[in-house]
């Protein structure tokens, strides 16, 4: 099978690991090696930011590290066995911001990316080069090679202003109410090479439990991607359980766009033109969304076995809804 997965960070990466287990693919296989199944990941780049002269791509790196065996499993992001000497030295020089810091191992990845950007390589080629080392066993594509950044309009003691999503998310912990969430540059962006082709050739599409506003939403904001996806059988996994995010602060993002924090409301927001099926947790059993097949099952990715079971359930529902003819 050829499967496309539009994915954000931690939730998307862990779901992908479960999907690979469900499909029986080897973590050491590269995207060009022959396997029974091919997974193409469309990675969110709306969270990307430039700091300390480095272009930081959190979601791409989280997927790459997680599937490549280099992730800090406890926190779900960053490198395992990390040290922070560079971060400490930057602070000693008074470099800002202090709310964001890279580990030393992670910094090496960003130096490679910075050198390739300076040499004129697009993000898709850079991501492919980085994956040559990590061999995640999927084809990892950025949603676009163009610069797209998520900004948040807030009001604080400095007045009404727009800040980068990372500042709102990390420094302020999304505690400042967001008046608007803006995908800067999205309207003029184009899908990265290979994205639309992968969707066209896909047998089905699975949406992991990523943030529906700033992860999945950012990917869908790139012109052409949503239109391509609606022609496919798409099954999503709810990131909301019992009226609360599984992790993170997706509720603050949903509030900013006027969507209730519930499994049903998120599905309705994504739309029945996009979603064919939607998995919700048992806590949300009975959820109904017009035009979307809703099934309930345990959705907490508490260990590899439960994560594999969730991915398998999404896959089975997609195959059931696709039937022989597909969509």
Protein backbone atom coordinates (compact mmCIF):
# COMPACT_ATOMS: atom_id res chain seq x y z
CA UNK A 1 0.00 0.00 0.00
CA UNK A 2 0.96 3.62 -0.53
CA UNK A 3 -0.04 5.68 2.49
CA UNK A 4 0.24 9.44 2.99
CA UNK A 5 0.37 10.86 6.51
CA UNK A 6 0.19 14.66 7.03
CA UNK A 7 1.90 14.97 10.40
CA UNK A 8 2.86 17.42 13.10
CA UNK A 9 5.32 16.76 15.89
CA UNK A 10 5.15 14.37 18.84
CA UNK A 11 1.69 12.88 18.25
CA UNK A 12 2.34 12.50 14.55
CA UNK A 13 5.76 10.95 15.06
CA UNK A 14 4.55 8.41 17.60
CA UNK A 15 1.57 7.51 15.44
CA UNK A 16 3.93 6.93 12.52
CA UNK A 17 6.04 4.60 14.63
CA UNK A 18 2.89 2.67 15.48
CA UNK A 19 1.86 2.61 11.83
CA UNK A 20 5.20 1.19 10.80
CA UNK A 21 4.84 -1.51 13.43
CA UNK A 22 1.30 -2.28 12.25
CA UNK A 23 2.55 -2.62 8.68
CA UNK A 24 5.57 -4.65 9.71
CA UNK A 25 8.08 -2.31 8.05
CA UNK A 26 11.69 -2.33 9.23
CA UNK A 27 12.88 0.90 10.89
CA UNK A 28 16.21 0.55 9.09
CA UNK A 29 14.76 0.65 5.59
CA UNK A 30 15.23 3.78 3.54
CA UNK A 31 12.57 5.40 1.36
CA UNK A 32 14.22 4.08 -1.83
CA UNK A 33 14.35 0.46 -0.69
CA UNK A 34 11.71 -2.00 -1.83
CA UNK A 35 9.12 -2.85 0.81
CA UNK A 36 5.55 -4.05 0.72
CA UNK A 37 4.30 -0.64 1.86
CA UNK A 38 5.37 2.94 1.31
CA UNK A 39 4.64 5.72 3.77
CA UNK A 40 5.04 9.33 2.69
CA UNK A 41 4.92 11.91 5.47
CA UNK A 42 3.93 15.49 4.68
CA UNK A 43 5.61 17.32 7.55
CA UNK A 44 4.34 20.55 9.06
CA UNK A 45 6.75 23.47 8.66
CA UNK A 46 4.46 26.18 10.01
CA UNK A 47 6.21 25.91 13.40
CA UNK A 48 9.60 26.67 11.83
CA UNK A 49 11.55 29.62 13.15
CA UNK A 50 14.97 31.23 12.66
CA UNK A 51 16.94 31.74 15.87
CA UNK A 52 20.68 32.20 16.51
CA UNK A 53 21.19 32.20 12.74
CA UNK A 54 19.76 28.69 12.42
CA UNK A 55 16.55 27.56 10.71
CA UNK A 56 14.73 25.35 13.21
CA UNK A 57 12.21 22.81 11.88
CA UNK A 58 10.76 21.18 15.02
CA UNK A 59 8.18 18.88 13.47
CA UNK A 60 10.39 17.58 10.67
CA UNK A 61 13.17 16.84 13.15
CA UNK A 62 10.83 15.20 15.66
CA UNK A 63 9.57 12.78 13.02
CA UNK A 64 13.10 12.12 11.78
CA UNK A 65 14.57 11.53 15.25
CA UNK A 66 11.63 9.45 16.47
CA UNK A 67 11.62 7.07 13.51
CA UNK A 68 15.40 7.07 13.30
CA UNK A 69 15.94 6.09 16.93
CA UNK A 70 17.49 9.33 18.17
CA UNK A 71 14.62 10.98 20.02
CA UNK A 72 14.46 11.82 23.73
CA UNK A 73 11.68 9.38 24.52
CA UNK A 74 10.70 10.95 27.82
CA UNK A 75 9.92 14.41 26.45
CA UNK A 76 9.12 13.36 22.88
CA UNK A 77 11.30 16.00 21.23
CA UNK A 78 15.02 16.75 20.99
CA UNK A 79 17.86 14.27 21.01
CA UNK A 80 18.52 11.46 23.44
CA UNK A 81 21.60 11.74 25.68
CA UNK A 82 21.65 15.49 25.09
CA UNK A 83 23.91 18.14 26.62
CA UNK A 84 23.40 21.90 26.61
CA UNK A 85 26.82 23.54 26.64
CA UNK A 86 26.07 25.72 23.59
CA UNK A 87 22.80 26.89 25.13
CA UNK A 88 24.60 27.82 28.36
CA UNK A 89 27.32 29.69 26.48
CA UNK A 90 24.77 31.65 24.45
CA UNK A 91 23.06 32.67 27.69
CA UNK A 92 26.43 33.77 29.12
CA UNK A 93 26.82 36.08 26.12
CA UNK A 94 23.35 37.47 26.77
CA UNK A 95 21.93 36.12 23.53
CA UNK A 96 18.14 36.25 23.16
CA UNK A 97 15.72 34.62 23.35
CA UNK A 98 16.38 32.69 26.52
CA UNK A 99 13.09 30.78 26.31
CA UNK A 100 14.29 28.65 23.40
CA UNK A 101 17.41 26.53 23.40
CA UNK A 102 18.88 23.73 21.35
CA UNK A 103 20.85 20.83 22.71
CA UNK A 104 24.39 20.28 21.45
CA UNK A 105 23.56 17.20 19.36
CA UNK A 106 20.49 18.94 17.94
CA UNK A 107 22.58 22.01 17.12
CA UNK A 108 24.71 19.88 14.79
CA UNK A 109 21.62 19.05 12.74
CA UNK A 110 20.78 22.73 12.50
CA UNK A 111 24.30 23.69 11.44
CA UNK A 112 24.08 21.19 8.58
CA UNK A 113 20.70 22.64 7.60
CA UNK A 114 22.05 26.22 7.80
CA UNK A 115 25.02 25.39 5.57
CA UNK A 116 22.79 23.75 2.97
CA UNK A 117 20.36 26.70 3.03
CA UNK A 118 23.31 29.05 2.49
CA UNK A 119 24.41 26.90 -0.43
CA UNK A 120 20.99 27.33 -2.04
CA UNK A 121 19.40 23.95 -1.38
CA UNK A 122 15.60 23.84 -0.87
CA UNK A 123 14.19 22.45 2.38
CA UNK A 124 12.97 19.28 0.66
CA UNK A 125 16.48 18.42 -0.52
CA UNK A 126 17.93 19.29 2.89
CA UNK A 127 15.41 17.06 4.64
CA UNK A 128 16.24 14.20 2.30
CA UNK A 129 19.96 14.65 3.04
CA UNK A 130 19.38 14.66 6.80
CA UNK A 131 17.25 11.52 6.51
CA UNK A 132 20.13 9.76 4.74
CA UNK A 133 21.73 9.56 8.16
CA UNK A 134 18.64 8.72 10.24
CA UNK A 135 16.95 6.34 7.80
CA UNK A 136 13.44 6.78 9.23
CA UNK A 137 11.93 4.22 6.87
CA UNK A 138 9.45 6.73 5.44
CA UNK A 139 9.69 9.39 2.80
CA UNK A 140 9.68 12.63 4.77
CA UNK A 141 8.63 15.70 2.76
CA UNK A 142 8.14 19.23 4.08
CA UNK A 143 4.72 20.60 3.21
CA UNK A 144 6.44 23.36 1.21
CA UNK A 145 9.90 24.63 0.35
CA UNK A 146 8.63 28.18 0.85
CA UNK A 147 8.91 29.95 4.18
CA UNK A 148 5.63 29.70 6.07
CA UNK A 149 5.41 30.68 9.73
CA UNK A 150 2.56 30.58 12.19
CA UNK A 151 2.08 33.85 14.08
CA UNK A 152 -0.33 34.57 16.91
CA UNK A 153 -2.01 37.89 17.64
CA UNK A 154 -2.06 38.57 21.38
CA UNK A 155 -2.52 41.50 23.73
CA UNK A 156 -0.34 41.94 26.81
CA UNK A 157 1.34 44.77 28.73
CA UNK A 158 3.09 45.76 25.51
CA UNK A 159 -0.21 46.11 23.68
CA UNK A 160 -1.75 44.24 20.79
CA UNK A 161 0.91 42.55 18.69
CA UNK A 162 1.78 39.47 16.67
CA UNK A 163 4.35 37.01 17.97
CA UNK A 164 5.76 33.86 16.48
CA UNK A 165 3.84 30.75 17.45
CA UNK A 166 6.90 29.36 19.24
CA UNK A 167 7.06 32.39 21.53
CA UNK A 168 3.36 32.07 22.37
CA UNK A 169 3.62 28.30 22.82
CA UNK A 170 6.90 27.99 24.71
CA UNK A 171 7.48 31.24 26.57
CA UNK A 172 3.84 32.04 27.36
CA UNK A 173 2.61 28.42 27.43
CA UNK A 174 -0.38 29.56 25.34
CA UNK A 175 -1.72 31.27 28.47
CA UNK A 176 -2.23 34.60 26.70
CA UNK A 177 -5.54 34.41 24.81
CA UNK A 178 -4.94 34.32 21.07
CA UNK A 179 -7.03 36.76 19.07
CA UNK A 180 -5.97 35.23 15.76
CA UNK A 181 -3.67 32.55 14.45
CA UNK A 182 -2.14 33.50 11.11
CA UNK A 183 -0.28 31.29 8.67
CA UNK A 184 2.12 33.91 7.28
CA UNK A 185 3.22 33.16 3.74
CA UNK A 186 0.85 30.25 3.23
CA UNK A 187 -1.24 31.92 0.52
CA UNK A 188 1.81 32.36 -1.72
CA UNK A 189 3.38 28.98 -0.98
CA UNK A 190 3.44 25.89 -3.14
CA UNK A 191 3.55 22.23 -2.12
CA UNK A 192 7.09 20.88 -1.96
CA UNK A 193 8.21 18.66 -4.84
CA UNK A 194 6.67 15.22 -4.52
CA UNK A 195 3.83 16.18 -2.18
CA UNK A 196 0.97 16.32 -4.69
CA UNK A 197 2.36 13.35 -6.59
CA UNK A 198 2.45 11.27 -3.40
CA UNK A 199 -1.15 12.17 -2.59
CA UNK A 200 -2.29 11.38 -6.12
CA UNK A 201 -0.66 7.94 -5.99
CA UNK A 202 -1.76 7.16 -2.43
CA UNK A 203 -4.15 4.33 -1.67
CA UNK A 204 -5.27 6.11 1.50
CA UNK A 205 -4.47 8.99 3.85
CA UNK A 206 -4.24 8.84 7.64
CA UNK A 207 -4.36 11.93 9.86
CA UNK A 208 -2.55 11.29 13.17
CA UNK A 209 -3.57 12.96 16.44
CA UNK A 210 -1.63 16.13 15.66
CA UNK A 211 -2.73 19.66 16.56
CA UNK A 212 -5.67 20.32 14.19
CA UNK A 213 -4.99 24.07 13.98
CA UNK A 214 -1.23 24.60 13.80
CA UNK A 215 -0.04 21.20 12.55
CA UNK A 216 -2.65 19.59 10.30
CA UNK A 217 -4.21 23.02 9.73
CA UNK A 218 -0.92 24.51 8.54
CA UNK A 219 -0.44 21.70 6.03
CA UNK A 220 -3.97 22.16 4.70
CA UNK A 221 -3.32 25.90 4.31
CA UNK A 222 -0.76 25.28 1.57
CA UNK A 223 -2.68 25.81 -1.70
CA UNK A 224 -3.39 22.56 -3.51
CA UNK A 225 -2.83 20.12 -0.66
CA UNK A 226 -6.35 20.04 0.75
CA UNK A 227 -7.86 19.84 -2.73
CA UNK A 228 -5.68 16.83 -3.47
CA UNK A 229 -6.55 15.12 -0.19
CA UNK A 230 -10.33 15.38 -0.58
CA UNK A 231 -10.14 13.02 -3.54
CA UNK A 232 -8.74 10.30 -1.29
CA UNK A 233 -10.05 8.07 1.49
CA UNK A 234 -9.00 9.93 4.63
CA UNK A 235 -9.27 8.65 8.20
CA UNK A 236 -8.21 10.76 11.17
CA UNK A 237 -7.45 10.08 14.82
CA UNK A 238 -8.86 12.59 17.30
CA UNK A 239 -6.28 14.59 19.30
CA UNK A 240 -9.06 15.43 21.78
CA UNK A 241 -10.19 12.96 24.44
CA UNK A 242 -13.04 13.76 26.79
CA UNK A 243 -12.96 17.46 25.95
CA UNK A 244 -9.22 17.95 26.50
CA UNK A 245 -6.09 17.63 24.34
CA UNK A 246 -4.17 14.39 24.65
CA UNK A 247 -1.05 16.51 25.19
CA UNK A 248 -0.02 20.10 24.62
CA UNK A 249 -2.37 23.06 24.44
CA UNK A 250 -4.45 22.41 21.36
CA UNK A 251 -7.49 23.70 23.25
CA UNK A 252 -5.99 27.21 23.24
CA UNK A 253 -5.53 26.97 19.48
CA UNK A 254 -9.09 25.75 18.95
CA UNK A 255 -10.48 28.54 21.12
CA UNK A 256 -8.59 31.07 19.01
CA UNK A 257 -10.42 29.94 15.87
CA UNK A 258 -13.78 29.54 17.57
CA UNK A 259 -13.93 25.74 17.61
CA UNK A 260 -15.09 23.81 20.67
CA UNK A 261 -12.55 21.49 22.26
CA UNK A 262 -14.29 18.22 21.53
CA UNK A 263 -13.66 15.26 19.28
CA UNK A 264 -16.80 15.92 17.27
CA UNK A 265 -16.14 19.64 16.81
CA UNK A 266 -12.62 18.98 15.52
CA UNK A 267 -13.94 16.49 12.96
CA UNK A 268 -16.62 18.95 11.86
CA UNK A 269 -13.97 21.66 11.58
CA UNK A 270 -11.80 19.49 9.34
CA UNK A 271 -14.93 18.78 7.30
CA UNK A 272 -16.80 15.86 5.80
CA UNK A 273 -15.38 16.76 2.39
CA UNK A 274 -11.96 15.84 3.77
CA UNK A 275 -12.66 13.18 6.38
CA UNK A 276 -14.29 9.86 5.57
CA UNK A 277 -13.62 8.29 8.95
CA UNK A 278 -12.76 9.53 12.45
CA UNK A 279 -11.50 7.57 15.43
CA UNK A 280 -12.50 8.89 18.85
CA UNK A 281 -11.68 7.60 22.31
CA UNK A 282 -14.12 5.49 24.29
CA UNK A 283 -14.69 8.56 26.46
CA UNK A 284 -16.29 10.14 23.38
CA UNK A 285 -18.32 7.12 22.30
CA UNK A 286 -21.58 8.22 20.73
CA UNK A 287 -20.01 11.16 18.90
CA UNK A 288 -21.74 11.75 15.61
CA UNK A 289 -20.60 13.98 12.76
CA UNK A 290 -22.72 14.25 9.64
CA UNK A 291 -21.04 12.71 6.62
CA UNK A 292 -18.21 11.10 8.63
CA UNK A 293 -18.02 7.51 9.90
CA UNK A 294 -17.10 7.76 13.60
CA UNK A 295 -15.74 4.80 15.56
CA UNK A 296 -14.64 4.69 19.19
CA UNK A 297 -11.72 2.82 20.77
CA UNK A 298 -8.97 3.54 23.33
CA UNK A 299 -6.77 6.32 21.92
CA UNK A 300 -4.08 6.90 24.54
CA UNK A 301 -0.68 6.11 23.04
CA UNK A 302 0.66 4.93 26.39
CA UNK A 303 3.14 2.36 25.04
CA UNK A 304 4.29 0.89 21.70
CA UNK A 305 1.59 -1.79 21.75
CA UNK A 306 -1.29 0.64 22.28
CA UNK A 307 0.13 3.00 19.66
CA UNK A 308 0.39 0.18 17.13
CA UNK A 309 -3.21 -0.81 17.89
CA UNK A 310 -4.43 2.74 17.25
CA UNK A 311 -2.59 2.94 13.94
CA UNK A 312 -3.94 -0.47 12.95
CA UNK A 313 -7.50 0.64 13.77
CA UNK A 314 -7.12 3.75 11.62
CA UNK A 315 -5.68 1.67 8.81
CA UNK A 316 -8.46 -0.93 9.03
CA UNK A 317 -11.16 1.74 8.98
CA UNK A 318 -9.59 3.41 5.96
CA UNK A 319 -9.44 0.13 4.09
CA UNK A 320 -13.05 -0.62 5.01
CA UNK A 321 -14.26 2.78 3.82
CA UNK A 322 -12.12 2.69 0.71
CA UNK A 323 -13.54 -0.63 -0.46
CA UNK A 324 -12.32 -2.04 -3.74
CA UNK A 325 -12.78 1.09 -5.79
CA UNK A 326 -11.33 3.70 -3.42
CA UNK A 327 -12.28 7.36 -3.61
